[in-house]
Amino acid sequence: MRNFHIPFDMHTEDKIIGGYISLRQFVWLLAGSFVAIYLLLINKNYMKGEDINVLSLAIRIIISLVFVSAGIFLAFFQLEEMDSDKYLIKLFTWKSKPRVIKYTDRKM
């Protein structure tokens, strides 16, 4: 039996879910949609046809759209040739750690 050596692609992730999205992308999409569904199902009065609080419903729809768009952004977009979630984690860790600059007087 012949063996064919297939090189690994080190720059992209394996598309596990349906052959289209990776596990990382699926988790971000699932998290954003879970928060959106939870926000829309907190008060089910508008589903029953009872007293509808339009302001509360509008605020929940806007917040859910923000979470869904954040999930899509973190799943699919790249910043400076790096996945956006990894980029934001590295940016946050760089901004949060203390940096001490020591001044030394060097005479030449």
PDB file of N, CA and C in Angstrom:
ATOM      1  N   MET A   1       0.838  -1.163   0.000  1.00  0.00           N
ATOM      2  CA  MET A   1       0.000   0.000   0.000  1.00  0.00           C
ATOM      3  C   MET A   1       0.897   1.245   0.000  1.00  0.00           C
ATOM      4  N   ARG A   2       0.543   2.200  -0.820  1.00  0.00           N
ATOM      5  CA  ARG A   2       1.346   3.413  -0.926  1.00  0.00           C
ATOM      6  C   ARG A   2       0.979   4.401   0.163  1.00  0.00           C
ATOM      7  N   ASN A   3       1.971   5.089   0.661  1.00  0.00           N
ATOM      8  CA  ASN A   3       1.771   6.143   1.653  1.00  0.00           C
ATOM      9  C   ASN A   3       2.033   7.484   1.009  1.00  0.00           C
ATOM     10  N   PHE A   4       1.150   8.418   1.245  1.00  0.00           N
ATOM     11  CA  PHE A   4       1.311   9.760   0.741  1.00  0.00           C
ATOM     12  C   PHE A   4       1.473  10.694   1.936  1.00  0.00           C
ATOM     13  N   HIS A   5       2.511  11.464   1.926  1.00  0.00           N
ATOM     14  CA  HIS A   5       2.765  12.407   3.009  1.00  0.00           C
ATOM     15  C   HIS A   5       2.010  13.694   2.717  1.00  0.00           C
ATOM     16  N   ILE A   6       1.117  14.033   3.619  1.00  0.00           N
ATOM     17  CA  ILE A   6       0.319  15.245   3.475  1.00  0.00           C
ATOM     18  C   ILE A   6       0.810  16.240   4.513  1.00  0.00           C
ATOM     19  N   PRO A   7       1.276  17.395   4.087  1.00  0.00           N
ATOM     20  CA  PRO A   7       1.775  18.370   5.067  1.00  0.00           C
ATOM     21  C   PRO A   7       0.615  18.977   5.861  1.00  0.00           C
ATOM     22  N   PHE A   8       0.888  19.260   7.120  1.00  0.00           N
ATOM     23  CA  PHE A   8      -0.102  19.886   7.972  1.00  0.00           C
ATOM     24  C   PHE A   8      -0.197  21.363   7.646  1.00  0.00           C
ATOM     25  N   ASP A   9      -1.405  21.883   7.700  1.00  0.00           N
ATOM     26  CA  ASP A   9      -1.604  23.312   7.513  1.00  0.00           C
ATOM     27  C   ASP A   9      -1.577  23.967   8.886  1.00  0.00           C
ATOM     28  N   MET A  10      -0.497  24.636   9.209  1.00  0.00           N
ATOM     29  CA  MET A  10      -0.312  25.203  10.536  1.00  0.00           C
ATOM     30  C   MET A  10      -0.989  26.571  10.706  1.00  0.00           C
ATOM     31  N   HIS A  11      -1.505  27.141   9.621  1.00  0.00           N
ATOM     32  CA  HIS A  11      -2.037  28.493   9.692  1.00  0.00           C
ATOM     33  C   HIS A  11      -3.556  28.543   9.822  1.00  0.00           C
ATOM     34  N   THR A  12      -4.251  27.443   9.552  1.00  0.00           N
ATOM     35  CA  THR A  12      -5.704  27.436   9.666  1.00  0.00           C
ATOM     36  C   THR A  12      -6.147  26.326  10.605  1.00  0.00           C
ATOM     37  N   GLU A  13      -7.337  26.481  11.141  1.00  0.00           N
ATOM     38  CA  GLU A  13      -7.890  25.486  12.043  1.00  0.00           C
ATOM     39  C   GLU A  13      -8.627  24.410  11.249  1.00  0.00           C
ATOM     40  N   ASP A  14      -8.811  23.266  11.875  1.00  0.00           N
ATOM     41  CA  ASP A  14      -9.580  22.201  11.250  1.00  0.00           C
ATOM     42  C   ASP A  14     -11.057  22.562  11.315  1.00  0.00           C
ATOM     43  N   LYS A  15     -11.741  22.407  10.204  1.00  0.00           N
ATOM     44  CA  LYS A  15     -13.168  22.689  10.137  1.00  0.00           C
ATOM     45  C   LYS A  15     -13.918  21.434  10.575  1.00  0.00           C
ATOM     46  N   ILE A  16     -14.267  21.389  11.838  1.00  0.00           N
ATOM     47  CA  ILE A  16     -14.845  20.188  12.432  1.00  0.00           C
ATOM     48  C   ILE A  16     -16.361  20.163  12.293  1.00  0.00           C
ATOM     49  N   ILE A  17     -17.030  21.254  12.546  1.00  0.00           N
ATOM     50  CA  ILE A  17     -18.484  21.302  12.567  1.00  0.00           C
ATOM     51  C   ILE A  17     -19.013  21.450  11.142  1.00  0.00           C
ATOM     52  N   GLY A  18     -19.465  20.357  10.576  1.00  0.00           N
ATOM     53  CA  GLY A  18     -20.048  20.374   9.239  1.00  0.00           C
ATOM     54  C   GLY A  18     -19.051  20.637   8.127  1.00  0.00           C
ATOM     55  N   GLY A  19     -17.787  20.713   8.437  1.00  0.00           N
ATOM     56  CA  GLY A  19     -16.796  21.013   7.424  1.00  0.00           C
ATOM     57  C   GLY A  19     -16.707  22.479   7.066  1.00  0.00           C
ATOM     58  N   TYR A  20     -17.451  23.324   7.782  1.00  0.00           N
ATOM     59  CA  TYR A  20     -17.486  24.745   7.460  1.00  0.00           C
ATOM     60  C   TYR A  20     -16.893  25.633   8.542  1.00  0.00           C
ATOM     61  N   ILE A  21     -17.123  25.277   9.814  1.00  0.00           N
ATOM     62  CA  ILE A  21     -16.616  26.111  10.899  1.00  0.00           C
ATOM     63  C   ILE A  21     -15.838  25.254  11.889  1.00  0.00           C
ATOM     64  N   SER A  22     -14.906  25.893  12.563  1.00  0.00           N
ATOM     65  CA  SER A  22     -14.090  25.186  13.548  1.00  0.00           C
ATOM     66  C   SER A  22     -14.817  25.166  14.890  1.00  0.00           C
ATOM     67  N   LEU A  23     -14.250  24.448  15.825  1.00  0.00           N
ATOM     68  CA  LEU A  23     -14.859  24.339  17.149  1.00  0.00           C
ATOM     69  C   LEU A  23     -14.832  25.678  17.872  1.00  0.00           C
ATOM     70  N   ARG A  24     -13.758  26.445  17.708  1.00  0.00           N
ATOM     71  CA  ARG A  24     -13.657  27.770  18.319  1.00  0.00           C
ATOM     72  C   ARG A  24     -14.749  28.697  17.782  1.00  0.00           C
ATOM     73  N   GLN A  25     -14.956  28.683  16.480  1.00  0.00           N
ATOM     74  CA  GLN A  25     -15.992  29.519  15.882  1.00  0.00           C
ATOM     75  C   GLN A  25     -17.379  29.092  16.350  1.00  0.00           C
ATOM     76  N   PHE A  26     -17.592  27.795  16.464  1.00  0.00           N
ATOM     77  CA  PHE A  26     -18.881  27.289  16.917  1.00  0.00           C
ATOM     78  C   PHE A  26     -19.176  27.731  18.341  1.00  0.00           C
ATOM     79  N   VAL A  27     -18.170  27.717  19.201  1.00  0.00           N
ATOM     80  CA  VAL A  27     -18.371  28.129  20.598  1.00  0.00           C
ATOM     81  C   VAL A  27     -18.730  29.607  20.674  1.00  0.00           C
ATOM     82  N   TRP A  28     -18.061  30.459  19.888  1.00  0.00           N
ATOM     83  CA  TRP A  28     -18.388  31.890  19.916  1.00  0.00           C
ATOM     84  C   TRP A  28     -19.789  32.143  19.382  1.00  0.00           C
ATOM     85  N   LEU A  29     -20.174  31.460  18.314  1.00  0.00           N
ATOM     86  CA  LEU A  29     -21.517  31.629  17.775  1.00  0.00           C
ATOM     87  C   LEU A  29     -22.570  31.108  18.750  1.00  0.00           C
ATOM     88  N   LEU A  30     -22.278  30.001  19.398  1.00  0.00           N
ATOM     89  CA  LEU A  30     -23.205  29.429  20.369  1.00  0.00           C
ATOM     90  C   LEU A  30     -23.360  30.347  21.582  1.00  0.00           C
ATOM     91  N   ALA A  31     -22.270  30.936  22.051  1.00  0.00           N
ATOM     92  CA  ALA A  31     -22.336  31.827  23.211  1.00  0.00           C
ATOM     93  C   ALA A  31     -23.155  33.080  22.898  1.00  0.00           C
ATOM     94  N   GLY A  32     -22.915  33.689  21.750  1.00  0.00           N
ATOM     95  CA  GLY A  32     -23.669  34.888  21.380  1.00  0.00           C
ATOM     96  C   GLY A  32     -25.146  34.608  21.184  1.00  0.00           C
ATOM     97  N   SER A  33     -25.471  33.501  20.541  1.00  0.00           N
ATOM     98  CA  SER A  33     -26.879  33.186  20.320  1.00  0.00           C
ATOM     99  C   SER A  33     -27.559  32.746  21.615  1.00  0.00           C
ATOM    100  N   PHE A  34     -26.830  32.077  22.512  1.00  0.00           N
ATOM    101  CA  PHE A  34     -27.409  31.681  23.794  1.00  0.00           C
ATOM    102  C   PHE A  34     -27.795  32.903  24.623  1.00  0.00           C
ATOM    103  N   VAL A  35     -26.937  33.905  24.668  1.00  0.00           N
ATOM    104  CA  VAL A  35     -27.244  35.131  25.422  1.00  0.00           C
ATOM    105  C   VAL A  35     -28.432  35.840  24.793  1.00  0.00           C
ATOM    106  N   ALA A  36     -28.488  35.884  23.460  1.00  0.00           N
ATOM    107  CA  ALA A  36     -29.602  36.555  22.782  1.00  0.00           C
ATOM    108  C   ALA A  36     -30.922  35.838  23.051  1.00  0.00           C
ATOM    109  N   ILE A  37     -30.929  34.531  22.972  1.00  0.00           N
ATOM    110  CA  ILE A  37     -32.159  33.775  23.236  1.00  0.00           C
ATOM    111  C   ILE A  37     -32.578  33.934  24.693  1.00  0.00           C
ATOM    112  N   TYR A  38     -31.616  33.914  25.598  1.00  0.00           N
ATOM    113  CA  TYR A  38     -31.930  34.090  27.013  1.00  0.00           C
ATOM    114  C   TYR A  38     -32.550  35.458  27.272  1.00  0.00           C
ATOM    115  N   LEU A  39     -32.004  36.499  26.658  1.00  0.00           N
ATOM    116  CA  LEU A  39     -32.550  37.839  26.867  1.00  0.00           C
ATOM    117  C   LEU A  39     -33.965  37.968  26.306  1.00  0.00           C
ATOM    118  N   LEU A  40     -34.238  37.297  25.213  1.00  0.00           N
ATOM    119  CA  LEU A  40     -35.569  37.399  24.633  1.00  0.00           C
ATOM    120  C   LEU A  40     -36.588  36.522  25.351  1.00  0.00           C
ATOM    121  N   LEU A  41     -36.141  35.523  26.100  1.00  0.00           N
ATOM    122  CA  LEU A  41     -37.066  34.645  26.798  1.00  0.00           C
ATOM    123  C   LEU A  41     -37.196  34.949  28.282  1.00  0.00           C
ATOM    124  N   ILE A  42     -36.589  36.037  28.762  1.00  0.00           N
ATOM    125  CA  ILE A  42     -36.694  36.391  30.177  1.00  0.00           C
ATOM    126  C   ILE A  42     -38.154  36.679  30.540  1.00  0.00           C
ATOM    127  N   ASN A  43     -38.800  37.509  29.783  1.00  0.00           N
ATOM    128  CA  ASN A  43     -40.192  37.869  30.036  1.00  0.00           C
ATOM    129  C   ASN A  43     -41.005  37.409  28.831  1.00  0.00           C
ATOM    130  N   LYS A  44     -41.847  36.419  29.045  1.00  0.00           N
ATOM    131  CA  LYS A  44     -42.592  35.839  27.931  1.00  0.00           C
ATOM    132  C   LYS A  44     -43.969  36.462  27.748  1.00  0.00           C
ATOM    133  N   ASN A  45     -44.226  37.603  28.332  1.00  0.00           N
ATOM    134  CA  ASN A  45     -45.543  38.221  28.205  1.00  0.00           C
ATOM    135  C   ASN A  45     -45.854  38.614  26.772  1.00  0.00           C
ATOM    136  N   TYR A  46     -44.860  38.997  26.006  1.00  0.00           N
ATOM    137  CA  TYR A  46     -45.122  39.396  24.631  1.00  0.00           C
ATOM    138  C   TYR A  46     -45.441  38.184  23.760  1.00  0.00           C
ATOM    139  N   MET A  47     -45.042  36.982  24.175  1.00  0.00           N
ATOM    140  CA  MET A  47     -45.393  35.776  23.422  1.00  0.00           C
ATOM    141  C   MET A  47     -46.842  35.366  23.695  1.00  0.00           C
ATOM    142  N   LYS A  48     -47.327  35.651  24.889  1.00  0.00           N
ATOM    143  CA  LYS A  48     -48.690  35.279  25.259  1.00  0.00           C
ATOM    144  C   LYS A  48     -49.712  36.288  24.756  1.00  0.00           C
ATOM    145  N   GLY A  49     -49.258  37.427  24.296  1.00  0.00           N
ATOM    146  CA  GLY A  49     -50.176  38.452  23.830  1.00  0.00           C
ATOM    147  C   GLY A  49     -50.675  39.346  24.944  1.00  0.00           C
ATOM    148  N   GLU A  50     -50.042  39.257  26.098  1.00  0.00           N
ATOM    149  CA  GLU A  50     -50.458  40.079  27.233  1.00  0.00           C
ATOM    150  C   GLU A  50     -49.826  41.457  27.129  1.00  0.00           C
ATOM    151  N   ASP A  51     -49.776  42.154  28.236  1.00  0.00           N
ATOM    152  CA  ASP A  51     -49.240  43.507  28.298  1.00  0.00           C
ATOM    153  C   ASP A  51     -47.799  43.540  27.793  1.00  0.00           C
ATOM    154  N   ILE A  52     -47.573  44.259  26.712  1.00  0.00           N
ATOM    155  CA  ILE A  52     -46.253  44.320  26.093  1.00  0.00           C
ATOM    156  C   ILE A  52     -45.564  45.613  26.508  1.00  0.00           C
ATOM    157  N   ASN A  53     -44.388  45.480  27.101  1.00  0.00           N
ATOM    158  CA  ASN A  53     -43.578  46.633  27.447  1.00  0.00           C
ATOM    159  C   ASN A  53     -42.609  46.845  26.283  1.00  0.00           C
ATOM    160  N   VAL A  54     -42.939  47.776  25.422  1.00  0.00           N
ATOM    161  CA  VAL A  54     -42.192  47.976  24.185  1.00  0.00           C
ATOM    162  C   VAL A  54     -40.760  48.425  24.461  1.00  0.00           C
ATOM    163  N   LEU A  55     -40.574  49.276  25.437  1.00  0.00           N
ATOM    164  CA  LEU A  55     -39.237  49.771  25.753  1.00  0.00           C
ATOM    165  C   LEU A  55     -38.342  48.637  26.235  1.00  0.00           C
ATOM    166  N   SER A  56     -38.861  47.808  27.114  1.00  0.00           N
ATOM    167  CA  SER A  56     -38.079  46.672  27.618  1.00  0.00           C
ATOM    168  C   SER A  56     -37.748  45.699  26.492  1.00  0.00           C
ATOM    169  N   LEU A  57     -38.712  45.426  25.641  1.00  0.00           N
ATOM    170  CA  LEU A  57     -38.471  44.523  24.515  1.00  0.00           C
ATOM    171  C   LEU A  57     -37.448  45.105  23.543  1.00  0.00           C
ATOM    172  N   ALA A  58     -37.526  46.397  23.265  1.00  0.00           N
ATOM    173  CA  ALA A  58     -36.580  47.045  22.355  1.00  0.00           C
ATOM    174  C   ALA A  58     -35.164  47.019  22.922  1.00  0.00           C
ATOM    175  N   ILE A  59     -35.038  47.269  24.212  1.00  0.00           N
ATOM    176  CA  ILE A  59     -33.714  47.232  24.845  1.00  0.00           C
ATOM    177  C   ILE A  59     -33.128  45.831  24.784  1.00  0.00           C
ATOM    178  N   ARG A  60     -33.980  44.810  25.053  1.00  0.00           N
ATOM    179  CA  ARG A  60     -33.488  43.432  24.989  1.00  0.00           C
ATOM    180  C   ARG A  60     -33.104  43.029  23.574  1.00  0.00           C
ATOM    181  N   ILE A  61     -33.843  43.493  22.571  1.00  0.00           N
ATOM    182  CA  ILE A  61     -33.496  43.185  21.185  1.00  0.00           C
ATOM    183  C   ILE A  61     -32.171  43.837  20.807  1.00  0.00           C
ATOM    184  N   ILE A  62     -31.955  45.080  21.209  1.00  0.00           N
ATOM    185  CA  ILE A  62     -30.705  45.782  20.898  1.00  0.00           C
ATOM    186  C   ILE A  62     -29.518  45.096  21.569  1.00  0.00           C
ATOM    187  N   ILE A  63     -29.682  44.736  22.843  1.00  0.00           N
ATOM    188  CA  ILE A  63     -28.590  44.060  23.555  1.00  0.00           C
ATOM    189  C   ILE A  63     -28.309  42.695  22.944  1.00  0.00           C
ATOM    190  N   SER A  64     -29.357  41.979  22.550  1.00  0.00           N
ATOM    191  CA  SER A  64     -29.143  40.670  21.934  1.00  0.00           C
ATOM    192  C   SER A  64     -28.454  40.803  20.581  1.00  0.00           C
ATOM    193  N   LEU A  65     -28.786  41.844  19.811  1.00  0.00           N
ATOM    194  CA  LEU A  65     -28.087  42.069  18.536  1.00  0.00           C
ATOM    195  C   LEU A  65     -26.612  42.384  18.760  1.00  0.00           C
ATOM    196  N   VAL A  66     -26.304  43.101  19.831  1.00  0.00           N
ATOM    197  CA  VAL A  66     -24.908  43.394  20.163  1.00  0.00           C
ATOM    198  C   VAL A  66     -24.154  42.109  20.471  1.00  0.00           C
ATOM    199  N   PHE A  67     -24.763  41.222  21.260  1.00  0.00           N
ATOM    200  CA  PHE A  67     -24.086  39.967  21.606  1.00  0.00           C
ATOM    201  C   PHE A  67     -23.930  39.048  20.395  1.00  0.00           C
ATOM    202  N   VAL A  68     -24.938  38.999  19.536  1.00  0.00           N
ATOM    203  CA  VAL A  68     -24.830  38.160  18.332  1.00  0.00           C
ATOM    204  C   VAL A  68     -23.756  38.701  17.394  1.00  0.00           C
ATOM    205  N   SER A  69     -23.713  40.020  17.208  1.00  0.00           N
ATOM    206  CA  SER A  69     -22.686  40.588  16.330  1.00  0.00           C
ATOM    207  C   SER A  69     -21.295  40.434  16.939  1.00  0.00           C
ATOM    208  N   ALA A  70     -21.174  40.507  18.269  1.00  0.00           N
ATOM    209  CA  ALA A  70     -19.876  40.270  18.912  1.00  0.00           C
ATOM    210  C   ALA A  70     -19.450  38.826  18.724  1.00  0.00           C
ATOM    211  N   GLY A  71     -20.378  37.885  18.818  1.00  0.00           N
ATOM    212  CA  GLY A  71     -20.058  36.484  18.575  1.00  0.00           C
ATOM    213  C   GLY A  71     -19.613  36.236  17.146  1.00  0.00           C
ATOM    214  N   ILE A  72     -20.278  36.865  16.192  1.00  0.00           N
ATOM    215  CA  ILE A  72     -19.880  36.725  14.785  1.00  0.00           C
ATOM    216  C   ILE A  72     -18.512  37.344  14.558  1.00  0.00           C
ATOM    217  N   PHE A  73     -18.275  38.521  15.150  1.00  0.00           N
ATOM    218  CA  PHE A  73     -16.973  39.172  15.002  1.00  0.00           C
ATOM    219  C   PHE A  73     -15.848  38.318  15.580  1.00  0.00           C
ATOM    220  N   LEU A  74     -16.054  37.787  16.785  1.00  0.00           N
ATOM    221  CA  LEU A  74     -15.012  36.981  17.426  1.00  0.00           C
ATOM    222  C   LEU A  74     -14.817  35.640  16.727  1.00  0.00           C
ATOM    223  N   ALA A  75     -15.826  35.157  16.044  1.00  0.00           N
ATOM    224  CA  ALA A  75     -15.712  33.863  15.380  1.00  0.00           C
ATOM    225  C   ALA A  75     -15.029  33.960  14.021  1.00  0.00           C
ATOM    226  N   PHE A  76     -15.346  34.990  13.233  1.00  0.00           N
ATOM    227  CA  PHE A  76     -14.927  34.965  11.835  1.00  0.00           C
ATOM    228  C   PHE A  76     -13.891  36.006  11.421  1.00  0.00           C
ATOM    229  N   PHE A  77     -13.769  37.101  12.119  1.00  0.00           N
ATOM    230  CA  PHE A  77     -12.894  38.170  11.650  1.00  0.00           C
ATOM    231  C   PHE A  77     -11.495  38.068  12.241  1.00  0.00           C
ATOM    232  N   GLN A  78     -10.543  38.687  11.539  1.00  0.00           N
ATOM    233  CA  GLN A  78      -9.153  38.687  11.968  1.00  0.00           C
ATOM    234  C   GLN A  78      -8.669  40.120  12.125  1.00  0.00           C
ATOM    235  N   LEU A  79      -7.785  40.312  13.094  1.00  0.00           N
ATOM    236  CA  LEU A  79      -7.134  41.600  13.313  1.00  0.00           C
ATOM    237  C   LEU A  79      -5.629  41.381  13.209  1.00  0.00           C
ATOM    238  N   GLU A  80      -5.018  42.078  12.298  1.00  0.00           N
ATOM    239  CA  GLU A  80      -3.570  41.981  12.074  1.00  0.00           C
ATOM    240  C   GLU A  80      -3.110  40.535  11.887  1.00  0.00           C
ATOM    241  N   GLU A  81      -3.804  39.821  10.992  1.00  0.00           N
ATOM    242  CA  GLU A  81      -3.496  38.439  10.623  1.00  0.00           C
ATOM    243  C   GLU A  81      -3.554  37.479  11.808  1.00  0.00           C
ATOM    244  N   MET A  82      -4.411  37.766  12.785  1.00  0.00           N
ATOM    245  CA  MET A  82      -4.599  36.915  13.952  1.00  0.00           C
ATOM    246  C   MET A  82      -6.100  36.866  14.224  1.00  0.00           C
ATOM    247  N   ASP A  83      -6.577  35.728  14.715  1.00  0.00           N
ATOM    248  CA  ASP A  83      -7.995  35.635  15.052  1.00  0.00           C
ATOM    249  C   ASP A  83      -8.349  36.712  16.060  1.00  0.00           C
ATOM    250  N   SER A  84      -9.530  37.283  15.901  1.00  0.00           N
ATOM    251  CA  SER A  84      -9.893  38.449  16.708  1.00  0.00           C
ATOM    252  C   SER A  84      -9.977  38.130  18.199  1.00  0.00           C
ATOM    253  N   ASP A  85     -10.436  36.931  18.564  1.00  0.00           N
ATOM    254  CA  ASP A  85     -10.506  36.624  19.990  1.00  0.00           C
ATOM    255  C   ASP A  85      -9.116  36.469  20.593  1.00  0.00           C
ATOM    256  N   LYS A  86      -8.211  35.839  19.877  1.00  0.00           N
ATOM    257  CA  LYS A  86      -6.841  35.696  20.377  1.00  0.00           C
ATOM    258  C   LYS A  86      -6.146  37.060  20.445  1.00  0.00           C
ATOM    259  N   TYR A  87      -6.416  37.910  19.456  1.00  0.00           N
ATOM    260  CA  TYR A  87      -5.838  39.246  19.447  1.00  0.00           C
ATOM    261  C   TYR A  87      -6.318  40.061  20.645  1.00  0.00           C
ATOM    262  N   LEU A  88      -7.628  40.006  20.925  1.00  0.00           N
ATOM    263  CA  LEU A  88      -8.167  40.780  22.043  1.00  0.00           C
ATOM    264  C   LEU A  88      -7.687  40.246  23.389  1.00  0.00           C
ATOM    265  N   ILE A  89      -7.500  38.938  23.506  1.00  0.00           N
ATOM    266  CA  ILE A  89      -6.967  38.374  24.751  1.00  0.00           C
ATOM    267  C   ILE A  89      -5.534  38.833  24.964  1.00  0.00           C
ATOM    268  N   LYS A  90      -4.730  38.799  23.911  1.00  0.00           N
ATOM    269  CA  LYS A  90      -3.341  39.266  24.042  1.00  0.00           C
ATOM    270  C   LYS A  90      -3.281  40.761  24.324  1.00  0.00           C
ATOM    271  N   LEU A  91      -4.159  41.540  23.721  1.00  0.00           N
ATOM    272  CA  LEU A  91      -4.201  42.976  23.976  1.00  0.00           C
ATOM    273  C   LEU A  91      -4.591  43.256  25.420  1.00  0.00           C
ATOM    274  N   PHE A  92      -5.577  42.526  25.930  1.00  0.00           N
ATOM    275  CA  PHE A  92      -6.012  42.721  27.310  1.00  0.00           C
ATOM    276  C   PHE A  92      -4.909  42.343  28.294  1.00  0.00           C
ATOM    277  N   THR A  93      -4.223  41.237  28.054  1.00  0.00           N
ATOM    278  CA  THR A  93      -3.141  40.847  28.973  1.00  0.00           C
ATOM    279  C   THR A  93      -1.983  41.844  28.908  1.00  0.00           C
ATOM    280  N   TRP A  94      -1.697  42.394  27.729  1.00  0.00           N
ATOM    281  CA  TRP A  94      -0.622  43.380  27.619  1.00  0.00           C
ATOM    282  C   TRP A  94      -0.999  44.674  28.331  1.00  0.00           C
ATOM    283  N   LYS A  95      -2.265  45.094  28.199  1.00  0.00           N
ATOM    284  CA  LYS A  95      -2.702  46.333  28.849  1.00  0.00           C
ATOM    285  C   LYS A  95      -2.819  46.179  30.369  1.00  0.00           C
ATOM    286  N   SER A  96      -3.130  44.976  30.840  1.00  0.00           N
ATOM    287  CA  SER A  96      -3.382  44.813  32.270  1.00  0.00           C
ATOM    288  C   SER A  96      -2.125  44.545  33.095  1.00  0.00           C
ATOM    289  N   LYS A  97      -1.063  44.054  32.481  1.00  0.00           N
ATOM    290  CA  LYS A  97       0.118  43.773  33.289  1.00  0.00           C
ATOM    291  C   LYS A  97       0.913  45.059  33.538  1.00  0.00           C
ATOM    292  N   PRO A  98       1.507  45.170  34.704  1.00  0.00           N
ATOM    293  CA  PRO A  98       2.265  46.395  35.001  1.00  0.00           C
ATOM    294  C   PRO A  98       3.603  46.401  34.257  1.00  0.00           C
ATOM    295  N   ARG A  99       3.936  47.561  33.790  1.00  0.00           N
ATOM    296  CA  ARG A  99       5.216  47.728  33.102  1.00  0.00           C
ATOM    297  C   ARG A  99       6.042  48.745  33.881  1.00  0.00           C
ATOM    298  N   VAL A 100       7.236  48.352  34.237  1.00  0.00           N
ATOM    299  CA  VAL A 100       8.122  49.223  34.990  1.00  0.00           C
ATOM    300  C   VAL A 100       9.299  49.556  34.083  1.00  0.00           C
ATOM    301  N   ILE A 101       9.504  50.832  33.906  1.00  0.00           N
ATOM    302  CA  ILE A 101      10.630  51.285  33.093  1.00  0.00           C
ATOM    303  C   ILE A 101      11.674  51.847  34.044  1.00  0.00           C
ATOM    304  N   LYS A 102      12.803  51.217  34.056  1.00  0.00           N
ATOM    305  CA  LYS A 102      13.872  51.640  34.955  1.00  0.00           C
ATOM    306  C   LYS A 102      14.829  52.541  34.172  1.00  0.00           C
ATOM    307  N   TYR A 103      15.115  53.644  34.780  1.00  0.00           N
ATOM    308  CA  TYR A 103      16.034  54.583  34.161  1.00  0.00           C
ATOM    309  C   TYR A 103      17.424  54.321  34.717  1.00  0.00           C
ATOM    310  N   THR A 104      18.340  54.110  33.822  1.00  0.00           N
ATOM    311  CA  THR A 104      19.743  53.956  34.222  1.00  0.00           C
ATOM    312  C   THR A 104      20.543  55.047  33.527  1.00  0.00           C
ATOM    313  N   ASP A 105      21.350  55.695  34.258  1.00  0.00           N
ATOM    314  CA  ASP A 105      22.175  56.750  33.701  1.00  0.00           C
ATOM    315  C   ASP A 105      23.497  56.133  33.212  1.00  0.00           C
ATOM    316  N   ARG A 106      23.548  55.962  31.933  1.00  0.00           N
ATOM    317  CA  ARG A 106      24.766  55.377  31.344  1.00  0.00           C
ATOM    318  C   ARG A 106      25.635  56.507  30.802  1.00  0.00           C
ATOM    319  N   LYS A 107      26.869  56.460  31.190  1.00  0.00           N
ATOM    320  CA  LYS A 107      27.803  57.459  30.678  1.00  0.00           C
ATOM    321  C   LYS A 107      28.688  56.784  29.646  1.00  0.00           C
ATOM    322  N   MET A 108      28.773  57.411  28.535  1.00  0.00           N
ATOM    323  CA  MET A 108      29.585  56.829  27.472  1.00  0.00           C
ATOM    324  C   MET A 108      30.901  57.501  27.363  1.00  0.00           C
TER     325      MET A 108
END
